[in-house]
PDB file of N, CA and C in Angstrom:
ATOM      1  N   ASP A   1      13.483 -11.051 -18.269  1.00  0.00           N
ATOM      2  CA  ASP A   1      12.666 -11.319 -17.100  1.00  0.00           C
ATOM      3  C   ASP A   1      12.634 -10.085 -16.209  1.00  0.00           C
ATOM      4  N   ALA A   2      11.490  -9.810 -15.641  1.00  0.00           N
ATOM      5  CA  ALA A   2      11.318  -8.666 -14.752  1.00  0.00           C
ATOM      6  C   ALA A   2      10.275  -9.019 -13.705  1.00  0.00           C
ATOM      7  N   TYR A   3      10.360  -8.347 -12.586  1.00  0.00           N
ATOM      8  CA  TYR A   3       9.361  -8.481 -11.532  1.00  0.00           C
ATOM      9  C   TYR A   3       8.476  -7.244 -11.625  1.00  0.00           C
ATOM     10  N   LEU A   4       7.215  -7.425 -11.918  1.00  0.00           N
ATOM     11  CA  LEU A   4       6.312  -6.300 -12.133  1.00  0.00           C
ATOM     12  C   LEU A   4       5.296  -6.182 -11.009  1.00  0.00           C
ATOM     13  N   LEU A   5       5.164  -4.950 -10.498  1.00  0.00           N
ATOM     14  CA  LEU A   5       4.149  -4.630  -9.496  1.00  0.00           C
ATOM     15  C   LEU A   5       3.135  -3.688 -10.122  1.00  0.00           C
ATOM     16  N   ALA A   6       1.880  -3.983  -9.930  1.00  0.00           N
ATOM     17  CA  ALA A   6       0.825  -3.070 -10.356  1.00  0.00           C
ATOM     18  C   ALA A   6       0.537  -2.131  -9.188  1.00  0.00           C
ATOM     19  N   ASN A   7       0.510  -0.836  -9.450  1.00  0.00           N
ATOM     20  CA  ASN A   7       0.200   0.138  -8.410  1.00  0.00           C
ATOM     21  C   ASN A   7      -1.308   0.333  -8.391  1.00  0.00           C
ATOM     22  N   ARG A   8      -1.925  -0.257  -7.380  1.00  0.00           N
ATOM     23  CA  ARG A   8      -3.383  -0.279  -7.257  1.00  0.00           C
ATOM     24  C   ARG A   8      -3.974  -1.012  -8.450  1.00  0.00           C
ATOM     25  N   GLY A   9      -4.845  -0.401  -9.234  1.00  0.00           N
ATOM     26  CA  GLY A   9      -5.431  -1.102 -10.385  1.00  0.00           C
ATOM     27  C   GLY A   9      -6.330  -2.249  -9.987  1.00  0.00           C
ATOM     28  N   PHE A  10      -7.025  -2.106  -8.862  1.00  0.00           N
ATOM     29  CA  PHE A  10      -7.803  -3.216  -8.309  1.00  0.00           C
ATOM     30  C   PHE A  10      -8.892  -3.723  -9.245  1.00  0.00           C
ATOM     31  N   ASP A  11      -9.509  -2.834 -10.009  1.00  0.00           N
ATOM     32  CA  ASP A  11     -10.560  -3.260 -10.924  1.00  0.00           C
ATOM     33  C   ASP A  11     -10.015  -4.102 -12.068  1.00  0.00           C
ATOM     34  N   LEU A  12      -8.718  -4.018 -12.303  1.00  0.00           N
ATOM     35  CA  LEU A  12      -8.093  -4.770 -13.386  1.00  0.00           C
ATOM     36  C   LEU A  12      -7.470  -6.082 -12.916  1.00  0.00           C
ATOM     37  N   LEU A  13      -7.514  -6.339 -11.631  1.00  0.00           N
ATOM     38  CA  LEU A  13      -6.809  -7.505 -11.090  1.00  0.00           C
ATOM     39  C   LEU A  13      -7.136  -8.823 -11.791  1.00  0.00           C
ATOM     40  N   PRO A  14      -8.374  -9.139 -12.010  1.00  0.00           N
ATOM     41  CA  PRO A  14      -8.593 -10.448 -12.641  1.00  0.00           C
ATOM     42  C   PRO A  14      -7.890 -10.581 -13.990  1.00  0.00           C
ATOM     43  N   GLU A  15      -7.921  -9.525 -14.793  1.00  0.00           N
ATOM     44  CA  GLU A  15      -7.320  -9.604 -16.116  1.00  0.00           C
ATOM     45  C   GLU A  15      -5.804  -9.430 -16.091  1.00  0.00           C
ATOM     46  N   MET A  16      -5.311  -8.512 -15.255  1.00  0.00           N
ATOM     47  CA  MET A  16      -3.872  -8.229 -15.297  1.00  0.00           C
ATOM     48  C   MET A  16      -3.062  -9.190 -14.438  1.00  0.00           C
ATOM     49  N   GLY A  17      -3.714  -9.974 -13.608  1.00  0.00           N
ATOM     50  CA  GLY A  17      -3.010 -10.879 -12.709  1.00  0.00           C
ATOM     51  C   GLY A  17      -2.028 -11.795 -13.402  1.00  0.00           C
ATOM     52  N   GLN A  18      -2.330 -12.158 -14.608  1.00  0.00           N
ATOM     53  CA  GLN A  18      -1.428 -13.058 -15.335  1.00  0.00           C
ATOM     54  C   GLN A  18      -0.184 -12.350 -15.859  1.00  0.00           C
ATOM     55  N   TYR A  19      -0.175 -11.005 -15.826  1.00  0.00           N
ATOM     56  CA  TYR A  19       0.934 -10.232 -16.375  1.00  0.00           C
ATOM     57  C   TYR A  19       1.850  -9.608 -15.326  1.00  0.00           C
ATOM     58  N   VAL A  20       1.440  -9.632 -14.065  1.00  0.00           N
ATOM     59  CA  VAL A  20       2.233  -9.011 -13.004  1.00  0.00           C
ATOM     60  C   VAL A  20       2.537 -10.025 -11.911  1.00  0.00           C
ATOM     61  N   ASN A  21       3.552  -9.693 -11.112  1.00  0.00           N
ATOM     62  CA  ASN A  21       3.941 -10.569 -10.008  1.00  0.00           C
ATOM     63  C   ASN A  21       3.324 -10.159  -8.690  1.00  0.00           C
ATOM     64  N   GLY A  22       2.933  -8.889  -8.592  1.00  0.00           N
ATOM     65  CA  GLY A  22       2.406  -8.416  -7.322  1.00  0.00           C
ATOM     66  C   GLY A  22       1.616  -7.132  -7.469  1.00  0.00           C
ATOM     67  N   VAL A  23       1.064  -6.705  -6.336  1.00  0.00           N
ATOM     68  CA  VAL A  23       0.254  -5.496  -6.279  1.00  0.00           C
ATOM     69  C   VAL A  23       0.815  -4.595  -5.187  1.00  0.00           C
ATOM     70  N   LEU A  24       0.894  -3.305  -5.497  1.00  0.00           N
ATOM     71  CA  LEU A  24       1.349  -2.311  -4.539  1.00  0.00           C
ATOM     72  C   LEU A  24       0.156  -1.490  -4.074  1.00  0.00           C
ATOM     73  N   LEU A  25      -0.056  -1.453  -2.771  1.00  0.00           N
ATOM     74  CA  LEU A  25      -1.124  -0.640  -2.188  1.00  0.00           C
ATOM     75  C   LEU A  25      -0.509   0.682  -1.750  1.00  0.00           C
ATOM     76  N   GLU A  26      -0.522   1.648  -2.631  1.00  0.00           N
ATOM     77  CA  GLU A  26       0.049   2.948  -2.309  1.00  0.00           C
ATOM     78  C   GLU A  26      -0.873   3.690  -1.359  1.00  0.00           C
ATOM     79  N   SER A  27      -0.276   4.333  -0.363  1.00  0.00           N
ATOM     80  CA  SER A  27      -1.033   5.051   0.683  1.00  0.00           C
ATOM     81  C   SER A  27      -1.993   4.100   1.392  1.00  0.00           C
ATOM     82  N   PHE A  28      -1.431   3.031   1.923  1.00  0.00           N
ATOM     83  CA  PHE A  28      -2.231   2.039   2.644  1.00  0.00           C
ATOM     84  C   PHE A  28      -2.704   2.578   3.991  1.00  0.00           C
ATOM     85  N   THR A  29      -1.845   3.291   4.699  1.00  0.00           N
ATOM     86  CA  THR A  29      -2.177   3.830   6.021  1.00  0.00           C
ATOM     87  C   THR A  29      -1.965   5.333   6.099  1.00  0.00           C
ATOM     88  N   THR A  30      -0.959   5.822   5.394  1.00  0.00           N
ATOM     89  CA  THR A  30      -0.625   7.244   5.450  1.00  0.00           C
ATOM     90  C   THR A  30      -0.494   7.798   4.029  1.00  0.00           C
ATOM     91  N   SER A  31      -0.578   9.121   3.921  1.00  0.00           N
ATOM     92  CA  SER A  31      -0.519   9.774   2.625  1.00  0.00           C
ATOM     93  C   SER A  31       0.264  11.072   2.737  1.00  0.00           C
ATOM     94  N   TRP A  32       0.737  11.562   1.611  1.00  0.00           N
ATOM     95  CA  TRP A  32       1.372  12.887   1.581  1.00  0.00           C
ATOM     96  C   TRP A  32       0.387  13.936   1.077  1.00  0.00           C
ATOM     97  N   GLU A  33      -0.738  13.499   0.509  1.00  0.00           N
ATOM     98  CA  GLU A  33      -1.717  14.454  -0.009  1.00  0.00           C
ATOM     99  C   GLU A  33      -2.347  15.249   1.126  1.00  0.00           C
ATOM    100  N   ASP A  34      -2.556  16.518   0.906  1.00  0.00           N
ATOM    101  CA  ASP A  34      -3.097  17.415   1.940  1.00  0.00           C
ATOM    102  C   ASP A  34      -2.169  17.468   3.147  1.00  0.00           C
ATOM    103  N   GLY A  35      -0.884  17.343   2.930  1.00  0.00           N
ATOM    104  CA  GLY A  35       0.084  17.289   4.020  1.00  0.00           C
ATOM    105  C   GLY A  35       0.218  15.854   4.489  1.00  0.00           C
ATOM    106  N   TYR A  36       1.348  15.496   5.013  1.00  0.00           N
ATOM    107  CA  TYR A  36       1.533  14.128   5.510  1.00  0.00           C
ATOM    108  C   TYR A  36       0.505  13.871   6.597  1.00  0.00           C
ATOM    109  N   ARG A  37      -0.210  12.759   6.469  1.00  0.00           N
ATOM    110  CA  ARG A  37      -1.279  12.478   7.422  1.00  0.00           C
ATOM    111  C   ARG A  37      -1.637  11.000   7.403  1.00  0.00           C
ATOM    112  N   LYS A  38      -2.262  10.570   8.488  1.00  0.00           N
ATOM    113  CA  LYS A  38      -2.841   9.234   8.537  1.00  0.00           C
ATOM    114  C   LYS A  38      -4.178   9.299   7.818  1.00  0.00           C
ATOM    115  N   LEU A  39      -4.520   8.241   7.105  1.00  0.00           N
ATOM    116  CA  LEU A  39      -5.796   8.209   6.410  1.00  0.00           C
ATOM    117  C   LEU A  39      -6.938   8.279   7.410  1.00  0.00           C
ATOM    118  N   ASN A  40      -8.063   8.826   6.980  1.00  0.00           N
ATOM    119  CA  ASN A  40      -9.227   8.898   7.863  1.00  0.00           C
ATOM    120  C   ASN A  40      -9.880   7.515   7.946  1.00  0.00           C
ATOM    121  N   PRO A  41     -10.784   7.300   8.897  1.00  0.00           N
ATOM    122  CA  PRO A  41     -11.377   5.967   9.078  1.00  0.00           C
ATOM    123  C   PRO A  41     -11.993   5.367   7.809  1.00  0.00           C
ATOM    124  N   ASN A  42     -12.682   6.161   7.018  1.00  0.00           N
ATOM    125  CA  ASN A  42     -13.272   5.629   5.780  1.00  0.00           C
ATOM    126  C   ASN A  42     -12.195   5.195   4.796  1.00  0.00           C
ATOM    127  N   GLU A  43     -11.123   5.960   4.709  1.00  0.00           N
ATOM    128  CA  GLU A  43     -10.019   5.595   3.817  1.00  0.00           C
ATOM    129  C   GLU A  43      -9.325   4.320   4.295  1.00  0.00           C
ATOM    130  N   LEU A  44      -9.198   4.151   5.599  1.00  0.00           N
ATOM    131  CA  LEU A  44      -8.578   2.943   6.145  1.00  0.00           C
ATOM    132  C   LEU A  44      -9.429   1.710   5.853  1.00  0.00           C
ATOM    133  N   VAL A  45     -10.737   1.847   5.944  1.00  0.00           N
ATOM    134  CA  VAL A  45     -11.640   0.739   5.597  1.00  0.00           C
ATOM    135  C   VAL A  45     -11.468   0.396   4.118  1.00  0.00           C
ATOM    136  N   PHE A  46     -11.395   1.415   3.279  1.00  0.00           N
ATOM    137  CA  PHE A  46     -11.229   1.196   1.845  1.00  0.00           C
ATOM    138  C   PHE A  46      -9.929   0.450   1.541  1.00  0.00           C
ATOM    139  N   THR A  47      -8.810   0.889   2.122  1.00  0.00           N
ATOM    140  CA  THR A  47      -7.544   0.223   1.821  1.00  0.00           C
ATOM    141  C   THR A  47      -7.513  -1.201   2.365  1.00  0.00           C
ATOM    142  N   CYS A  48      -8.217  -1.444   3.453  1.00  0.00           N
ATOM    143  CA  CYS A  48      -8.304  -2.817   3.984  1.00  0.00           C
ATOM    144  C   CYS A  48      -9.097  -3.709   3.016  1.00  0.00           C
ATOM    145  N   GLU A  49     -10.159  -3.157   2.450  1.00  0.00           N
ATOM    146  CA  GLU A  49     -10.930  -3.912   1.465  1.00  0.00           C
ATOM    147  C   GLU A  49     -10.092  -4.163   0.213  1.00  0.00           C
ATOM    148  N   MET A  50      -9.299  -3.198  -0.201  1.00  0.00           N
ATOM    149  CA  MET A  50      -8.440  -3.387  -1.368  1.00  0.00           C
ATOM    150  C   MET A  50      -7.375  -4.444  -1.089  1.00  0.00           C
ATOM    151  N   LEU A  51      -6.907  -4.500   0.150  1.00  0.00           N
ATOM    152  CA  LEU A  51      -5.958  -5.547   0.534  1.00  0.00           C
ATOM    153  C   LEU A  51      -6.619  -6.913   0.394  1.00  0.00           C
ATOM    154  N   ARG A  52      -7.850  -7.039   0.858  1.00  0.00           N
ATOM    155  CA  ARG A  52      -8.557  -8.321   0.719  1.00  0.00           C
ATOM    156  C   ARG A  52      -8.698  -8.708  -0.757  1.00  0.00           C
ATOM    157  N   ARG A  53      -9.061  -7.751  -1.585  1.00  0.00           N
ATOM    158  CA  ARG A  53      -9.205  -8.033  -3.017  1.00  0.00           C
ATOM    159  C   ARG A  53      -7.873  -8.449  -3.633  1.00  0.00           C
ATOM    160  N   ALA A  54      -6.819  -7.745  -3.277  1.00  0.00           N
ATOM    161  CA  ALA A  54      -5.502  -8.069  -3.820  1.00  0.00           C
ATOM    162  C   ALA A  54      -5.063  -9.464  -3.388  1.00  0.00           C
ATOM    163  N   ARG A  55      -5.323  -9.808  -2.155  1.00  0.00           N
ATOM    164  CA  ARG A  55      -4.928 -11.139  -1.671  1.00  0.00           C
ATOM    165  C   ARG A  55      -5.708 -12.253  -2.354  1.00  0.00           C
ATOM    166  N   ARG A  56      -6.932 -11.993  -2.729  1.00  0.00           N
ATOM    167  CA  ARG A  56      -7.711 -13.002  -3.461  1.00  0.00           C
ATOM    168  C   ARG A  56      -7.086 -13.303  -4.819  1.00  0.00           C
ATOM    169  N   SER A  57      -6.324 -12.363  -5.343  1.00  0.00           N
ATOM    170  CA  SER A  57      -5.690 -12.552  -6.647  1.00  0.00           C
ATOM    171  C   SER A  57      -4.522 -13.529  -6.571  1.00  0.00           C
ATOM    172  N   GLU A  58      -4.090 -13.848  -5.368  1.00  0.00           N
ATOM    173  CA  GLU A  58      -2.961 -14.744  -5.119  1.00  0.00           C
ATOM    174  C   GLU A  58      -1.629 -14.175  -5.607  1.00  0.00           C
ATOM    175  N   LEU A  59      -1.579 -12.860  -5.797  1.00  0.00           N
ATOM    176  CA  LEU A  59      -0.332 -12.185  -6.126  1.00  0.00           C
ATOM    177  C   LEU A  59       0.327 -11.722  -4.834  1.00  0.00           C
ATOM    178  N   GLU A  60       1.614 -11.435  -4.890  1.00  0.00           N
ATOM    179  CA  GLU A  60       2.275 -10.838  -3.730  1.00  0.00           C
ATOM    180  C   GLU A  60       1.724  -9.425  -3.547  1.00  0.00           C
ATOM    181  N   VAL A  61       1.595  -9.011  -2.294  1.00  0.00           N
ATOM    182  CA  VAL A  61       1.026  -7.700  -2.003  1.00  0.00           C
ATOM    183  C   VAL A  61       1.978  -6.927  -1.098  1.00  0.00           C
ATOM    184  N   PHE A  62       2.230  -5.668  -1.446  1.00  0.00           N
ATOM    185  CA  PHE A  62       3.090  -4.778  -0.678  1.00  0.00           C
ATOM    186  C   PHE A  62       2.371  -3.456  -0.472  1.00  0.00           C
ATOM    187  N   ALA A  63       2.774  -2.728   0.565  1.00  0.00           N
ATOM    188  CA  ALA A  63       2.224  -1.395   0.801  1.00  0.00           C
ATOM    189  C   ALA A  63       3.331  -0.368   0.642  1.00  0.00           C
ATOM    190  N   LEU A  64       2.923   0.826   0.236  1.00  0.00           N
ATOM    191  CA  LEU A  64       3.815   1.980   0.192  1.00  0.00           C
ATOM    192  C   LEU A  64       3.115   3.093   0.952  1.00  0.00           C
ATOM    193  N   ASP A  65       3.715   3.521   2.034  1.00  0.00           N
ATOM    194  CA  ASP A  65       3.153   4.602   2.837  1.00  0.00           C
ATOM    195  C   ASP A  65       4.102   5.783   2.840  1.00  0.00           C
ATOM    196  N   TYR A  66       3.562   6.937   3.179  1.00  0.00           N
ATOM    197  CA  TYR A  66       4.328   8.180   3.207  1.00  0.00           C
ATOM    198  C   TYR A  66       4.317   8.744   4.619  1.00  0.00           C
ATOM    199  N   ALA A  67       5.492   9.055   5.128  1.00  0.00           N
ATOM    200  CA  ALA A  67       5.575   9.596   6.484  1.00  0.00           C
ATOM    201  C   ALA A  67       6.754  10.547   6.589  1.00  0.00           C
ATOM    202  N   PHE A  68       6.509  11.619   7.302  1.00  0.00           N
ATOM    203  CA  PHE A  68       7.550  12.613   7.536  1.00  0.00           C
ATOM    204  C   PHE A  68       7.920  12.683   9.015  1.00  0.00           C
ATOM    205  N   THR A  69       7.101  12.061   9.852  1.00  0.00           N
ATOM    206  CA  THR A  69       7.351  12.083  11.294  1.00  0.00           C
ATOM    207  C   THR A  69       7.450  10.651  11.816  1.00  0.00           C
ATOM    208  N   PRO A  70       8.128  10.475  12.937  1.00  0.00           N
ATOM    209  CA  PRO A  70       8.200   9.141  13.537  1.00  0.00           C
ATOM    210  C   PRO A  70       6.814   8.583  13.885  1.00  0.00           C
ATOM    211  N   GLU A  71       5.879   9.448  14.279  1.00  0.00           N
ATOM    212  CA  GLU A  71       4.534   8.983  14.650  1.00  0.00           C
ATOM    213  C   GLU A  71       3.801   8.391  13.443  1.00  0.00           C
ATOM    214  N   LEU A  72       3.886   9.068  12.309  1.00  0.00           N
ATOM    215  CA  LEU A  72       3.240   8.539  11.103  1.00  0.00           C
ATOM    216  C   LEU A  72       3.920   7.260  10.638  1.00  0.00           C
ATOM    217  N   ARG A  73       5.244   7.234  10.720  1.00  0.00           N
ATOM    218  CA  ARG A  73       5.991   6.031  10.339  1.00  0.00           C
ATOM    219  C   ARG A  73       5.567   4.845  11.208  1.00  0.00           C
ATOM    220  N   ARG A  74       5.457   5.083  12.505  1.00  0.00           N
ATOM    221  CA  ARG A  74       5.045   4.036  13.431  1.00  0.00           C
ATOM    222  C   ARG A  74       3.631   3.552  13.122  1.00  0.00           C
ATOM    223  N   ALA A  75       2.713   4.475  12.839  1.00  0.00           N
ATOM    224  CA  ALA A  75       1.329   4.096  12.517  1.00  0.00           C
ATOM    225  C   ALA A  75       1.297   3.188  11.284  1.00  0.00           C
ATOM    226  N   ALA A  76       2.081   3.526  10.271  1.00  0.00           N
ATOM    227  CA  ALA A  76       2.124   2.711   9.054  1.00  0.00           C
ATOM    228  C   ALA A  76       2.717   1.334   9.334  1.00  0.00           C
ATOM    229  N   GLN A  77       3.780   1.296  10.106  1.00  0.00           N
ATOM    230  CA  GLN A  77       4.421   0.010  10.428  1.00  0.00           C
ATOM    231  C   GLN A  77       3.502  -0.883  11.252  1.00  0.00           C
ATOM    232  N   VAL A  78       2.858  -0.319  12.241  1.00  0.00           N
ATOM    233  CA  VAL A  78       1.988  -1.107  13.124  1.00  0.00           C
ATOM    234  C   VAL A  78       0.815  -1.694  12.342  1.00  0.00           C
ATOM    235  N   ARG A  79       0.177  -0.871  11.512  1.00  0.00           N
ATOM    236  CA  ARG A  79      -0.976  -1.362  10.750  1.00  0.00           C
ATOM    237  C   ARG A  79      -0.557  -2.415   9.735  1.00  0.00           C
ATOM    238  N   ALA A  80       0.546  -2.191   9.041  1.00  0.00           N
ATOM    239  CA  ALA A  80       1.014  -3.176   8.068  1.00  0.00           C
ATOM    240  C   ALA A  80       1.339  -4.502   8.757  1.00  0.00           C
ATOM    241  N   ARG A  81       2.029  -4.424   9.878  1.00  0.00           N
ATOM    242  CA  ARG A  81       2.363  -5.639  10.628  1.00  0.00           C
ATOM    243  C   ARG A  81       1.102  -6.378  11.062  1.00  0.00           C
ATOM    244  N   ALA A  82       0.115  -5.635  11.534  1.00  0.00           N
ATOM    245  CA  ALA A  82      -1.140  -6.248  11.989  1.00  0.00           C
ATOM    246  C   ALA A  82      -1.857  -6.964  10.844  1.00  0.00           C
ATOM    247  N   GLN A  83      -1.636  -6.488   9.617  1.00  0.00           N
ATOM    248  CA  GLN A  83      -2.265  -7.105   8.448  1.00  0.00           C
ATOM    249  C   GLN A  83      -1.359  -8.128   7.761  1.00  0.00           C
ATOM    250  N   GLY A  84      -0.175  -8.348   8.335  1.00  0.00           N
ATOM    251  CA  GLY A  84       0.765  -9.287   7.734  1.00  0.00           C
ATOM    252  C   GLY A  84       1.279  -8.808   6.385  1.00  0.00           C
ATOM    253  N   LEU A  85       1.494  -7.508   6.274  1.00  0.00           N
ATOM    254  CA  LEU A  85       1.831  -6.877   5.007  1.00  0.00           C
ATOM    255  C   LEU A  85       3.199  -6.205   5.087  1.00  0.00           C
ATOM    256  N   SER A  86       4.044  -6.424   4.090  1.00  0.00           N
ATOM    257  CA  SER A  86       5.316  -5.712   4.003  1.00  0.00           C
ATOM    258  C   SER A  86       5.039  -4.308   3.499  1.00  0.00           C
ATOM    259  N   THR A  87       5.659  -3.311   4.138  1.00  0.00           N
ATOM    260  CA  THR A  87       5.445  -1.939   3.704  1.00  0.00           C
ATOM    261  C   THR A  87       6.763  -1.209   3.538  1.00  0.00           C
ATOM    262  N   PHE A  88       6.786  -0.325   2.579  1.00  0.00           N
ATOM    263  CA  PHE A  88       7.881   0.609   2.374  1.00  0.00           C
ATOM    264  C   PHE A  88       7.344   1.962   2.811  1.00  0.00           C
ATOM    265  N   ILE A  89       8.120   2.704   3.561  1.00  0.00           N
ATOM    266  CA  ILE A  89       7.680   4.012   4.038  1.00  0.00           C
ATOM    267  C   ILE A  89       8.691   5.039   3.554  1.00  0.00           C
ATOM    268  N   SER A  90       8.197   6.048   2.876  1.00  0.00           N
ATOM    269  CA  SER A  90       9.075   7.048   2.285  1.00  0.00           C
ATOM    270  C   SER A  90       8.430   8.430   2.381  1.00  0.00           C
ATOM    271  N   VAL A  91       9.116   9.388   1.818  1.00  0.00           N
ATOM    272  CA  VAL A  91       8.568  10.735   1.667  1.00  0.00           C
ATOM    273  C   VAL A  91       8.009  10.847   0.247  1.00  0.00           C
ATOM    274  N   ARG A  92       7.326  11.929  -0.011  1.00  0.00           N
ATOM    275  CA  ARG A  92       6.652  12.110  -1.307  1.00  0.00           C
ATOM    276  C   ARG A  92       7.587  11.897  -2.487  1.00  0.00           C
ATOM    277  N   GLU A  93       8.802  12.370  -2.390  1.00  0.00           N
ATOM    278  CA  GLU A  93       9.743  12.270  -3.503  1.00  0.00           C
ATOM    279  C   GLU A  93      10.296  10.866  -3.713  1.00  0.00           C
ATOM    280  N   LEU A  94       9.990   9.979  -2.813  1.00  0.00           N
ATOM    281  CA  LEU A  94      10.455   8.580  -2.881  1.00  0.00           C
ATOM    282  C   LEU A  94      11.973   8.474  -2.940  1.00  0.00           C
ATOM    283  N   ASN A  95      12.651   9.387  -2.262  1.00  0.00           N
ATOM    284  CA  ASN A  95      14.112   9.365  -2.268  1.00  0.00           C
ATOM    285  C   ASN A  95      14.680   8.971  -0.906  1.00  0.00           C
ATOM    286  N   ALA A  96      13.831   8.462  -0.027  1.00  0.00           N
ATOM    287  CA  ALA A  96      14.282   7.971   1.285  1.00  0.00           C
ATOM    288  C   ALA A  96      13.342   6.884   1.745  1.00  0.00           C
ATOM    289  N   ILE A  97      13.910   5.839   2.309  1.00  0.00           N
ATOM    290  CA  ILE A  97      13.096   4.748   2.854  1.00  0.00           C
ATOM    291  C   ILE A  97      13.419   4.605   4.321  1.00  0.00           C
TER     292      ILE A  97
END
């Protein structure tokens, strides 16, 4: 027995839903790409839409955000809380939470 999370894979949700326990929304609010940063408005709209799609699958949904500063960490926490979403916040290497 294992608990499996699909990292994104939104287009596969209908088919893979029976094989996984949850969905991980990587870079839901913040990213390490192009330097640690908050997503731009279009990216935030996109991740919100992906959250809606993931929730329709009736799987558990989690976020993974990347932050190197307290301000970015706070932005990720506030947005996740506002969406009722559990989030893990780490650095690019995923060696700190």
